[in-house]
Amino acid sequence: MGFTAADVKNLREMTGVGMMDCKKALTEADGNIEKAVEWLREKGLAAAQKKAGRIAAEGMAYAWVCPECGVGSIVEVNAESDFVAKNDLFVEYVHNVAKVVAKDDPADLDALFACKYPNSDKTVLEEQNDKVLVIGENIKVRRFARYSEGTNVAYVHMGGRIAVLMNLEVGEGFENNDAVVELGKDLAMQVAALNPQFLDKSEVSEEFIENEKRVRLAQAKEDPKNASKPDAIIEKIVMGGLAKYYKEICLLQQPFVKDDKVSVEDHVAAVAKQLGTTIKVNCYTRFEKGEGIEKRQ
């Protein structure tokens, strides 16, 4: 009995084992899925699937910029324990996954898993499954991002607890300028520390502001200090608070961490003026390991 590509895909999903091993298992089992699973278990390959159900909320966030082409990538790879996150094999895997993202520009996680792992004949997924077997914990690539244009600056905080990839657009000839790179690093560190929700106040939607206004109005009216104030005055107080709120949630409007007398926006403009060029903060990506994952207590 033969087997199809759909059978390989099905076996791969059932066991978490790489495509080539699934093909081999189906060949050995003459196309029988159940026997193929048994064959993989006998070989110790399907053991990775037993660990796949475990919660992986530790791990590492990592950002990297290719020194040759300037393409930047950022990844989060999760593991079950902080101990494994410091394991050299795990760290090497994370670094190589970031290099694959930069080099191959995968469209999504499935495409990334199908990419060739550096200096190996295996795919990223097959290498991941091998690491699960060797290290003995569930390991999984959770997310990634990539910037191919502009000047990219990577920052990794506390050995991978937080990673930030900052992307700047600068005038020609200033792409690798030391002051530009230092600016990118400063901004990345600020994003790591303060986690702004938006790049600029122009990105904040009317819906977001209206919802925040509604919540703040309700809170203000519940405050005994405002009991005797008319609604118009309370609304004015709330709108004043919203104006200050931009300085909390928008990177460019935040006070610059190294000099809180100026905003990030003004600091960027000052550096550009000093260098005699233009600098625009295009975008950034911030990953914090385990963010949003429910951890086992």
C-alpha atoms as a PDB file:
ATOM      1  CA  MET A   1       0.000   0.000   0.000  1.00  0.00           C
ATOM      2  CA  GLY A   2       1.396   3.362  -0.998  1.00  0.00           C
ATOM      3  CA  PHE A   3       0.962   6.737   0.641  1.00  0.00           C
ATOM      4  CA  THR A   4       0.301  10.338  -0.391  1.00  0.00           C
ATOM      5  CA  ALA A   5       1.659  13.773   0.538  1.00  0.00           C
ATOM      6  CA  ALA A   6      -1.490  14.205   2.651  1.00  0.00           C
ATOM      7  CA  ASP A   7      -0.527  11.083   4.624  1.00  0.00           C
ATOM      8  CA  VAL A   8       2.917  12.541   5.295  1.00  0.00           C
ATOM      9  CA  LYS A   9       1.362  15.826   6.432  1.00  0.00           C
ATOM     10  CA  ASN A  10      -1.099  13.961   8.682  1.00  0.00           C
ATOM     11  CA  LEU A  11       1.655  11.856  10.289  1.00  0.00           C
ATOM     12  CA  ARG A  12       3.791  14.959  10.767  1.00  0.00           C
ATOM     13  CA  GLU A  13       0.942  16.742  12.571  1.00  0.00           C
ATOM     14  CA  MET A  14       0.214  13.686  14.718  1.00  0.00           C
ATOM     15  CA  THR A  15       3.791  13.175  15.861  1.00  0.00           C
ATOM     16  CA  GLY A  16       5.624  16.468  15.397  1.00  0.00           C
ATOM     17  CA  VAL A  17       8.364  14.547  13.571  1.00  0.00           C
ATOM     18  CA  GLY A  18      10.126  15.948  10.481  1.00  0.00           C
ATOM     19  CA  MET A  19       8.925  15.289   6.942  1.00  0.00           C
ATOM     20  CA  MET A  20      11.786  13.002   5.871  1.00  0.00           C
ATOM     21  CA  ASP A  21      11.391  10.783   8.939  1.00  0.00           C
ATOM     22  CA  CYS A  22       7.622  10.617   8.334  1.00  0.00           C
ATOM     23  CA  LYS A  23       8.212   9.512   4.745  1.00  0.00           C
ATOM     24  CA  LYS A  24      10.643   6.863   5.940  1.00  0.00           C
ATOM     25  CA  ALA A  25       8.180   5.661   8.587  1.00  0.00           C
ATOM     26  CA  LEU A  26       5.357   5.377   6.041  1.00  0.00           C
ATOM     27  CA  THR A  27       7.658   3.498   3.676  1.00  0.00           C
ATOM     28  CA  GLU A  28       8.629   1.074   6.449  1.00  0.00           C
ATOM     29  CA  ALA A  29       4.951   0.689   7.447  1.00  0.00           C
ATOM     30  CA  ASP A  30       3.784   0.229   3.851  1.00  0.00           C
ATOM     31  CA  GLY A  31       1.582   3.337   4.126  1.00  0.00           C
ATOM     32  CA  ASN A  32      -0.182   2.318   7.341  1.00  0.00           C
ATOM     33  CA  ILE A  33      -0.454   5.443   9.579  1.00  0.00           C
ATOM     34  CA  GLU A  34      -0.800   3.534  12.883  1.00  0.00           C
ATOM     35  CA  LYS A  35       2.188   1.313  12.146  1.00  0.00           C
ATOM     36  CA  ALA A  36       4.166   4.388  11.050  1.00  0.00           C
ATOM     37  CA  VAL A  37       3.463   6.029  14.428  1.00  0.00           C
ATOM     38  CA  GLU A  38       4.629   2.848  16.171  1.00  0.00           C
ATOM     39  CA  TRP A  39       7.785   2.777  14.039  1.00  0.00           C
ATOM     40  CA  LEU A  40       8.572   6.381  14.971  1.00  0.00           C
ATOM     41  CA  ARG A  41       7.979   5.643  18.652  1.00  0.00           C
ATOM     42  CA  GLU A  42      10.256   2.606  18.468  1.00  0.00           C
ATOM     43  CA  LYS A  43      12.984   4.789  16.968  1.00  0.00           C
ATOM     44  CA  GLY A  44      12.472   7.368  19.709  1.00  0.00           C
ATOM     45  CA  LEU A  45      11.507  10.050  17.212  1.00  0.00           C
ATOM     46  CA  ALA A  46       7.881  10.469  18.274  1.00  0.00           C
ATOM     47  CA  ALA A  47       8.938  11.208  21.836  1.00  0.00           C
ATOM     48  CA  ALA A  48       9.030  14.853  20.830  1.00  0.00           C
ATOM     49  CA  GLN A  49       5.259  14.792  20.466  1.00  0.00           C
ATOM     50  CA  LYS A  50       4.818  13.747  24.109  1.00  0.00           C
ATOM     51  CA  LYS A  51       6.514  16.960  25.120  1.00  0.00           C
ATOM     52  CA  ALA A  52       4.566  19.107  22.630  1.00  0.00           C
ATOM     53  CA  GLY A  53       1.597  19.405  24.991  1.00  0.00           C
ATOM     54  CA  ARG A  54       3.633  20.916  27.782  1.00  0.00           C
ATOM     55  CA  ILE A  55       3.392  24.646  28.412  1.00  0.00           C
ATOM     56  CA  ALA A  56       6.436  26.445  27.005  1.00  0.00           C
ATOM     57  CA  ALA A  57       6.331  29.943  28.479  1.00  0.00           C
ATOM     58  CA  GLU A  58      10.036  30.484  29.142  1.00  0.00           C
ATOM     59  CA  GLY A  59      12.683  30.668  26.455  1.00  0.00           C
ATOM     60  CA  MET A  60      14.300  33.554  24.672  1.00  0.00           C
ATOM     61  CA  ALA A  61      13.565  36.607  22.552  1.00  0.00           C
ATOM     62  CA  TYR A  62      16.372  37.523  20.183  1.00  0.00           C
ATOM     63  CA  ALA A  63      17.018  40.220  17.566  1.00  0.00           C
ATOM     64  CA  TRP A  64      19.792  40.137  14.968  1.00  0.00           C
ATOM     65  CA  VAL A  65      21.027  42.258  12.061  1.00  0.00           C
ATOM     66  CA  CYS A  66      22.972  40.618   9.230  1.00  0.00           C
ATOM     67  CA  PRO A  67      26.371  42.379   9.081  1.00  0.00           C
ATOM     68  CA  GLU A  68      26.616  41.798   5.318  1.00  0.00           C
ATOM     69  CA  CYS A  69      23.197  42.925   4.054  1.00  0.00           C
ATOM     70  CA  GLY A  70      21.696  44.862   6.985  1.00  0.00           C
ATOM     71  CA  VAL A  71      18.471  42.826   7.064  1.00  0.00           C
ATOM     72  CA  GLY A  72      17.086  42.606  10.603  1.00  0.00           C
ATOM     73  CA  SER A  73      15.150  39.768  12.196  1.00  0.00           C
ATOM     74  CA  ILE A  74      13.581  39.140  15.579  1.00  0.00           C
ATOM     75  CA  VAL A  75      12.283  35.846  16.975  1.00  0.00           C
ATOM     76  CA  GLU A  76      10.753  34.370  20.099  1.00  0.00           C
ATOM     77  CA  VAL A  77      11.465  30.718  20.822  1.00  0.00           C
ATOM     78  CA  ASN A  78       9.843  29.185  23.885  1.00  0.00           C
ATOM     79  CA  ALA A  79      10.977  26.436  26.244  1.00  0.00           C
ATOM     80  CA  GLU A  80       9.504  25.028  29.442  1.00  0.00           C
ATOM     81  CA  SER A  81      12.123  26.223  31.904  1.00  0.00           C
ATOM     82  CA  ASP A  82      14.450  29.142  32.400  1.00  0.00           C
ATOM     83  CA  PHE A  83      17.258  26.616  32.886  1.00  0.00           C
ATOM     84  CA  VAL A  84      16.913  25.315  29.321  1.00  0.00           C
ATOM     85  CA  ALA A  85      16.721  28.886  28.001  1.00  0.00           C
ATOM     86  CA  LYS A  86      20.356  29.257  29.071  1.00  0.00           C
ATOM     87  CA  ASN A  87      21.398  25.961  27.487  1.00  0.00           C
ATOM     88  CA  ASP A  88      24.027  26.481  24.756  1.00  0.00           C
ATOM     89  CA  LEU A  89      22.193  24.153  22.332  1.00  0.00           C
ATOM     90  CA  PHE A  90      18.959  26.099  22.794  1.00  0.00           C
ATOM     91  CA  VAL A  91      20.664  29.488  22.409  1.00  0.00           C
ATOM     92  CA  GLU A  92      22.428  28.305  19.241  1.00  0.00           C
ATOM     93  CA  TYR A  93      19.085  27.143  17.818  1.00  0.00           C
ATOM     94  CA  VAL A  94      17.463  30.533  18.538  1.00  0.00           C
ATOM     95  CA  HIS A  95      20.346  32.423  16.914  1.00  0.00           C
ATOM     96  CA  ASN A  96      20.215  30.228  13.822  1.00  0.00           C
ATOM     97  CA  VAL A  97      16.446  30.590  13.489  1.00  0.00           C
ATOM     98  CA  ALA A  98      16.920  34.384  13.457  1.00  0.00           C
ATOM     99  CA  LYS A  99      19.496  33.974  10.679  1.00  0.00           C
ATOM    100  CA  VAL A 100      17.093  31.805   8.663  1.00  0.00           C
ATOM    101  CA  VAL A 101      14.356  34.460   9.009  1.00  0.00           C
ATOM    102  CA  ALA A 102      16.738  37.162   7.744  1.00  0.00           C
ATOM    103  CA  LYS A 103      18.115  35.060   4.882  1.00  0.00           C
ATOM    104  CA  ASP A 104      15.042  33.205   3.591  1.00  0.00           C
ATOM    105  CA  ASP A 105      12.216  35.684   4.334  1.00  0.00           C
ATOM    106  CA  PRO A 106       9.586  33.037   5.246  1.00  0.00           C
ATOM    107  CA  ALA A 107       5.958  34.124   4.923  1.00  0.00           C
ATOM    108  CA  ASP A 108       4.766  32.423   8.120  1.00  0.00           C
ATOM    109  CA  LEU A 109       5.720  29.814  10.712  1.00  0.00           C
ATOM    110  CA  ASP A 110       4.953  26.883   8.389  1.00  0.00           C
ATOM    111  CA  ALA A 111       7.250  28.366   5.748  1.00  0.00           C
ATOM    112  CA  LEU A 112       9.935  28.984   8.371  1.00  0.00           C
ATOM    113  CA  PHE A 113       9.717  25.384   9.610  1.00  0.00           C
ATOM    114  CA  ALA A 114      10.197  24.169   6.038  1.00  0.00           C
ATOM    115  CA  CYS A 115      13.362  26.263   5.519  1.00  0.00           C
ATOM    116  CA  LYS A 116      16.777  24.606   5.535  1.00  0.00           C
ATOM    117  CA  TYR A 117      18.535  24.849   8.892  1.00  0.00           C
ATOM    118  CA  PRO A 118      22.056  26.380   8.630  1.00  0.00           C
ATOM    119  CA  ASN A 119      24.948  23.958   8.052  1.00  0.00           C
ATOM    120  CA  SER A 120      22.582  20.973   8.004  1.00  0.00           C
ATOM    121  CA  ASP A 121      20.524  18.855   5.643  1.00  0.00           C
ATOM    122  CA  LYS A 122      17.535  19.187   8.013  1.00  0.00           C
ATOM    123  CA  THR A 123      14.687  21.673   8.056  1.00  0.00           C
ATOM    124  CA  VAL A 124      14.127  24.108  10.912  1.00  0.00           C
ATOM    125  CA  LEU A 125      11.269  21.903  12.181  1.00  0.00           C
ATOM    126  CA  GLU A 126      13.366  18.742  12.055  1.00  0.00           C
ATOM    127  CA  GLU A 127      16.160  20.497  13.939  1.00  0.00           C
ATOM    128  CA  GLN A 128      13.622  21.740  16.495  1.00  0.00           C
ATOM    129  CA  ASN A 129      12.345  18.200  17.044  1.00  0.00           C
ATOM    130  CA  ASP A 130      15.923  16.977  17.459  1.00  0.00           C
ATOM    131  CA  LYS A 131      16.524  19.645  20.097  1.00  0.00           C
ATOM    132  CA  VAL A 132      13.367  18.534  21.952  1.00  0.00           C
ATOM    133  CA  LEU A 133      14.709  14.977  22.097  1.00  0.00           C
ATOM    134  CA  VAL A 134      18.227  16.013  23.169  1.00  0.00           C
ATOM    135  CA  ILE A 135      17.249  18.719  25.675  1.00  0.00           C
ATOM    136  CA  GLY A 136      14.166  16.896  26.997  1.00  0.00           C
ATOM    137  CA  GLU A 137      11.751  19.843  26.992  1.00  0.00           C
ATOM    138  CA  ASN A 138       9.114  21.186  24.651  1.00  0.00           C
ATOM    139  CA  ILE A 139      10.652  23.842  22.401  1.00  0.00           C
ATOM    140  CA  LYS A 140       8.791  25.868  19.814  1.00  0.00           C
ATOM    141  CA  VAL A 141       9.298  28.931  17.639  1.00  0.00           C
ATOM    142  CA  ARG A 142       6.389  31.184  18.528  1.00  0.00           C
ATOM    143  CA  ARG A 143       6.716  34.273  16.313  1.00  0.00           C
ATOM    144  CA  PHE A 144       9.099  36.321  14.199  1.00  0.00           C
ATOM    145  CA  ALA A 145       9.409  39.562  12.242  1.00  0.00           C
ATOM    146  CA  ARG A 146      11.811  40.834   9.600  1.00  0.00           C
ATOM    147  CA  TYR A 147      12.806  44.242   8.195  1.00  0.00           C
ATOM    148  CA  SER A 148      14.683  44.295   4.889  1.00  0.00           C
ATOM    149  CA  GLU A 149      14.865  48.052   4.251  1.00  0.00           C
ATOM    150  CA  GLY A 150      16.390  51.001   6.109  1.00  0.00           C
ATOM    151  CA  THR A 151      18.790  50.911   9.033  1.00  0.00           C
ATOM    152  CA  ASN A 152      18.058  48.117  11.488  1.00  0.00           C
ATOM    153  CA  VAL A 153      19.312  48.090  15.065  1.00  0.00           C
ATOM    154  CA  ALA A 154      18.906  45.078  17.365  1.00  0.00           C
ATOM    155  CA  TYR A 155      18.764  45.132  21.142  1.00  0.00           C
ATOM    156  CA  VAL A 156      18.484  42.143  23.498  1.00  0.00           C
ATOM    157  CA  HIS A 157      17.688  42.835  27.153  1.00  0.00           C
ATOM    158  CA  MET A 158      18.646  40.598  30.098  1.00  0.00           C
ATOM    159  CA  GLY A 159      19.876  37.683  28.019  1.00  0.00           C
ATOM    160  CA  GLY A 160      16.683  37.377  26.010  1.00  0.00           C
ATOM    161  CA  ARG A 161      13.851  38.366  28.334  1.00  0.00           C
ATOM    162  CA  ILE A 162      13.015  41.155  25.889  1.00  0.00           C
ATOM    163  CA  ALA A 163      14.251  41.812  22.355  1.00  0.00           C
ATOM    164  CA  VAL A 164      13.618  44.852  20.169  1.00  0.00           C
ATOM    165  CA  LEU A 165      14.282  45.408  16.470  1.00  0.00           C
ATOM    166  CA  MET A 166      14.294  49.122  15.598  1.00  0.00           C
ATOM    167  CA  ASN A 167      13.969  50.301  11.983  1.00  0.00           C
ATOM    168  CA  LEU A 168      15.082  53.786  10.898  1.00  0.00           C
ATOM    169  CA  GLU A 169      14.988  55.564   7.540  1.00  0.00           C
ATOM    170  CA  VAL A 170      18.036  57.804   7.161  1.00  0.00           C
ATOM    171  CA  GLY A 171      19.598  59.949   4.465  1.00  0.00           C
ATOM    172  CA  GLU A 172      21.919  58.344   1.931  1.00  0.00           C
ATOM    173  CA  GLY A 173      25.409  57.741   3.247  1.00  0.00           C
ATOM    174  CA  PHE A 174      24.356  57.754   6.899  1.00  0.00           C
ATOM    175  CA  GLU A 175      22.973  54.205   7.081  1.00  0.00           C
ATOM    176  CA  ASN A 176      25.874  52.904   9.193  1.00  0.00           C
ATOM    177  CA  ASN A 177      26.800  56.158  10.918  1.00  0.00           C
ATOM    178  CA  ASP A 178      27.822  55.589  14.549  1.00  0.00           C
ATOM    179  CA  ALA A 179      25.506  58.321  15.843  1.00  0.00           C
ATOM    180  CA  VAL A 180      22.552  56.835  13.901  1.00  0.00           C
ATOM    181  CA  VAL A 181      23.277  53.354  15.272  1.00  0.00           C
ATOM    182  CA  GLU A 182      23.585  54.791  18.797  1.00  0.00           C
ATOM    183  CA  LEU A 183      20.232  56.557  18.339  1.00  0.00           C
ATOM    184  CA  GLY A 184      18.643  53.295  17.194  1.00  0.00           C
ATOM    185  CA  LYS A 185      20.064  51.477  20.226  1.00  0.00           C
ATOM    186  CA  ASP A 186      18.790  54.202  22.605  1.00  0.00           C
ATOM    187  CA  LEU A 187      15.304  54.027  21.092  1.00  0.00           C
ATOM    188  CA  ALA A 188      15.306  50.220  21.208  1.00  0.00           C
ATOM    189  CA  MET A 189      16.272  50.327  24.890  1.00  0.00           C
ATOM    190  CA  GLN A 190      13.443  52.787  25.549  1.00  0.00           C
ATOM    191  CA  VAL A 191      10.957  50.505  23.803  1.00  0.00           C
ATOM    192  CA  ALA A 192      12.235  47.557  25.853  1.00  0.00           C
ATOM    193  CA  ALA A 193      11.831  49.476  29.122  1.00  0.00           C
ATOM    194  CA  LEU A 194       8.579  51.401  28.562  1.00  0.00           C
ATOM    195  CA  ASN A 195       6.764  49.220  25.990  1.00  0.00           C
ATOM    196  CA  PRO A 196       4.871  51.972  24.132  1.00  0.00           C
ATOM    197  CA  GLN A 197       1.677  50.750  22.456  1.00  0.00           C
ATOM    198  CA  PHE A 198       2.081  53.015  19.418  1.00  0.00           C
ATOM    199  CA  LEU A 199       4.896  54.609  17.439  1.00  0.00           C
ATOM    200  CA  ASP A 200       3.187  57.992  17.037  1.00  0.00           C
ATOM    201  CA  LYS A 201      -0.036  59.642  18.222  1.00  0.00           C
ATOM    202  CA  SER A 202      -1.235  59.748  14.604  1.00  0.00           C
ATOM    203  CA  GLU A 203      -1.554  55.945  14.784  1.00  0.00           C
ATOM    204  CA  VAL A 204      -3.965  56.027  17.736  1.00  0.00           C
ATOM    205  CA  SER A 205      -7.471  55.344  16.448  1.00  0.00           C
ATOM    206  CA  GLU A 206     -10.516  57.455  17.277  1.00  0.00           C
ATOM    207  CA  GLU A 207     -12.138  54.313  18.657  1.00  0.00           C
ATOM    208  CA  PHE A 208      -9.244  53.816  21.105  1.00  0.00           C
ATOM    209  CA  ILE A 209      -9.416  57.424  22.300  1.00  0.00           C
ATOM    210  CA  GLU A 210     -13.215  57.411  22.627  1.00  0.00           C
ATOM    211  CA  ASN A 211     -13.088  54.237  24.696  1.00  0.00           C
ATOM    212  CA  GLU A 212     -10.365  55.664  26.951  1.00  0.00           C
ATOM    213  CA  LYS A 213     -12.368  58.901  27.303  1.00  0.00           C
ATOM    214  CA  ARG A 214     -15.493  56.954  28.273  1.00  0.00           C
ATOM    215  CA  VAL A 215     -13.627  54.991  30.954  1.00  0.00           C
ATOM    216  CA  ARG A 216     -11.951  58.085  32.369  1.00  0.00           C
ATOM    217  CA  LEU A 217     -15.194  60.060  32.453  1.00  0.00           C
ATOM    218  CA  ALA A 218     -16.886  57.264  34.369  1.00  0.00           C
ATOM    219  CA  GLN A 219     -13.975  57.121  36.824  1.00  0.00           C
ATOM    220  CA  ALA A 220     -13.965  60.926  37.273  1.00  0.00           C
ATOM    221  CA  LYS A 221     -17.687  61.035  38.017  1.00  0.00           C
ATOM    222  CA  GLU A 222     -17.265  58.333  40.651  1.00  0.00           C
ATOM    223  CA  ASP A 223     -14.520  60.346  42.364  1.00  0.00           C
ATOM    224  CA  PRO A 224     -15.957  62.157  45.455  1.00  0.00           C
ATOM    225  CA  LYS A 225     -13.618  65.106  44.778  1.00  0.00           C
ATOM    226  CA  ASN A 226     -15.586  65.847  41.592  1.00  0.00           C
ATOM    227  CA  ALA A 227     -19.062  65.553  43.136  1.00  0.00           C
ATOM    228  CA  SER A 228     -19.787  69.288  42.941  1.00  0.00           C
ATOM    229  CA  LYS A 229     -18.148  69.905  39.543  1.00  0.00           C
ATOM    230  CA  PRO A 230     -20.291  70.320  36.417  1.00  0.00           C
ATOM    231  CA  ASP A 231     -19.942  67.758  33.620  1.00  0.00           C
ATOM    232  CA  ALA A 232     -18.214  70.299  31.337  1.00  0.00           C
ATOM    233  CA  ILE A 233     -15.405  70.814  33.861  1.00  0.00           C
ATOM    234  CA  ILE A 234     -15.011  67.080  34.449  1.00  0.00           C
ATOM    235  CA  GLU A 235     -14.756  66.509  30.687  1.00  0.00           C
ATOM    236  CA  LYS A 236     -12.102  69.234  30.423  1.00  0.00           C
ATOM    237  CA  ILE A 237     -10.072  67.529  33.160  1.00  0.00           C
ATOM    238  CA  VAL A 238     -10.392  64.190  31.371  1.00  0.00           C
ATOM    239  CA  MET A 239      -9.322  65.641  28.000  1.00  0.00           C
ATOM    240  CA  GLY A 240      -6.267  67.172  29.668  1.00  0.00           C
ATOM    241  CA  GLY A 241      -5.385  63.763  31.038  1.00  0.00           C
ATOM    242  CA  LEU A 242      -5.774  62.199  27.588  1.00  0.00           C
ATOM    243  CA  ALA A 243      -3.313  64.692  26.119  1.00  0.00           C
ATOM    244  CA  LYS A 244      -0.749  63.563  28.710  1.00  0.00           C
ATOM    245  CA  TYR A 245      -1.663  59.933  28.002  1.00  0.00           C
ATOM    246  CA  TYR A 246      -0.049  60.185  24.549  1.00  0.00           C
ATOM    247  CA  LYS A 247       3.275  60.700  26.336  1.00  0.00           C
ATOM    248  CA  GLU A 248       2.832  57.312  27.974  1.00  0.00           C
ATOM    249  CA  ILE A 249       1.641  55.190  25.072  1.00  0.00           C
ATOM    250  CA  CYS A 250       3.337  56.728  21.990  1.00  0.00           C
ATOM    251  CA  LEU A 251       7.098  56.322  21.527  1.00  0.00           C
ATOM    252  CA  LEU A 252       7.686  59.590  19.666  1.00  0.00           C
ATOM    253  CA  GLN A 253       5.739  61.587  22.245  1.00  0.00           C
ATOM    254  CA  GLN A 254       7.405  59.952  25.253  1.00  0.00           C
ATOM    255  CA  PRO A 255      10.103  61.886  27.151  1.00  0.00           C
ATOM    256  CA  PHE A 256      13.496  60.637  25.919  1.00  0.00           C
ATOM    257  CA  VAL A 257      14.939  58.377  28.633  1.00  0.00           C
ATOM    258  CA  LYS A 258      18.403  59.950  28.553  1.00  0.00           C
ATOM    259  CA  ASP A 259      17.031  63.507  28.710  1.00  0.00           C
ATOM    260  CA  ASP A 260      13.412  63.723  29.859  1.00  0.00           C
ATOM    261  CA  LYS A 261      13.260  67.456  29.099  1.00  0.00           C
ATOM    262  CA  VAL A 262      12.816  66.592  25.391  1.00  0.00           C
ATOM    263  CA  SER A 263      10.529  64.143  23.627  1.00  0.00           C
ATOM    264  CA  VAL A 264      11.830  61.240  21.550  1.00  0.00           C
ATOM    265  CA  GLU A 265      10.526  63.058  18.470  1.00  0.00           C
ATOM    266  CA  ASP A 266      12.561  66.173  19.313  1.00  0.00           C
ATOM    267  CA  HIS A 267      15.670  64.139  20.134  1.00  0.00           C
ATOM    268  CA  VAL A 268      15.513  62.326  16.770  1.00  0.00           C
ATOM    269  CA  ALA A 269      15.176  65.699  14.996  1.00  0.00           C
ATOM    270  CA  ALA A 270      18.141  67.103  16.967  1.00  0.00           C
ATOM    271  CA  VAL A 271      20.397  64.164  16.013  1.00  0.00           C
ATOM    272  CA  ALA A 272      19.372  64.503  12.349  1.00  0.00           C
ATOM    273  CA  LYS A 273      20.116  68.227  12.394  1.00  0.00           C
ATOM    274  CA  GLN A 274      23.497  67.692  14.042  1.00  0.00           C
ATOM    275  CA  LEU A 275      24.463  65.131  11.374  1.00  0.00           C
ATOM    276  CA  GLY A 276      23.032  67.152   8.514  1.00  0.00           C
ATOM    277  CA  THR A 277      20.701  64.426   7.308  1.00  0.00           C
ATOM    278  CA  THR A 278      17.156  63.153   7.732  1.00  0.00           C
ATOM    279  CA  ILE A 279      16.088  60.457  10.202  1.00  0.00           C
ATOM    280  CA  LYS A 280      12.652  58.895  10.476  1.00  0.00           C
ATOM    281  CA  VAL A 281      11.601  56.187  12.910  1.00  0.00           C
ATOM    282  CA  ASN A 282       9.799  53.776  10.597  1.00  0.00           C
ATOM    283  CA  CYS A 283       8.709  51.017  12.957  1.00  0.00           C
ATOM    284  CA  TYR A 284       9.837  48.599  15.623  1.00  0.00           C
ATOM    285  CA  THR A 285       9.000  45.153  16.955  1.00  0.00           C
ATOM    286  CA  ARG A 286       9.240  44.239  20.625  1.00  0.00           C
ATOM    287  CA  PHE A 287       9.019  40.636  21.817  1.00  0.00           C
ATOM    288  CA  GLU A 288       8.939  39.669  25.488  1.00  0.00           C
ATOM    289  CA  LYS A 289       9.385  35.981  26.196  1.00  0.00           C
ATOM    290  CA  GLY A 290       6.217  34.232  27.334  1.00  0.00           C
ATOM    291  CA  GLU A 291       4.125  37.358  26.782  1.00  0.00           C
ATOM    292  CA  GLY A 292       0.446  36.391  26.833  1.00  0.00           C
ATOM    293  CA  ILE A 293       1.130  32.704  27.545  1.00  0.00           C
ATOM    294  CA  GLU A 294      -0.571  31.307  30.627  1.00  0.00           C
ATOM    295  CA  LYS A 295       2.136  29.809  32.803  1.00  0.00           C
ATOM    296  CA  ARG A 296       1.649  26.709  34.923  1.00  0.00           C
ATOM    297  CA  GLN A 297       1.603  27.655  38.597  1.00  0.00           C
END
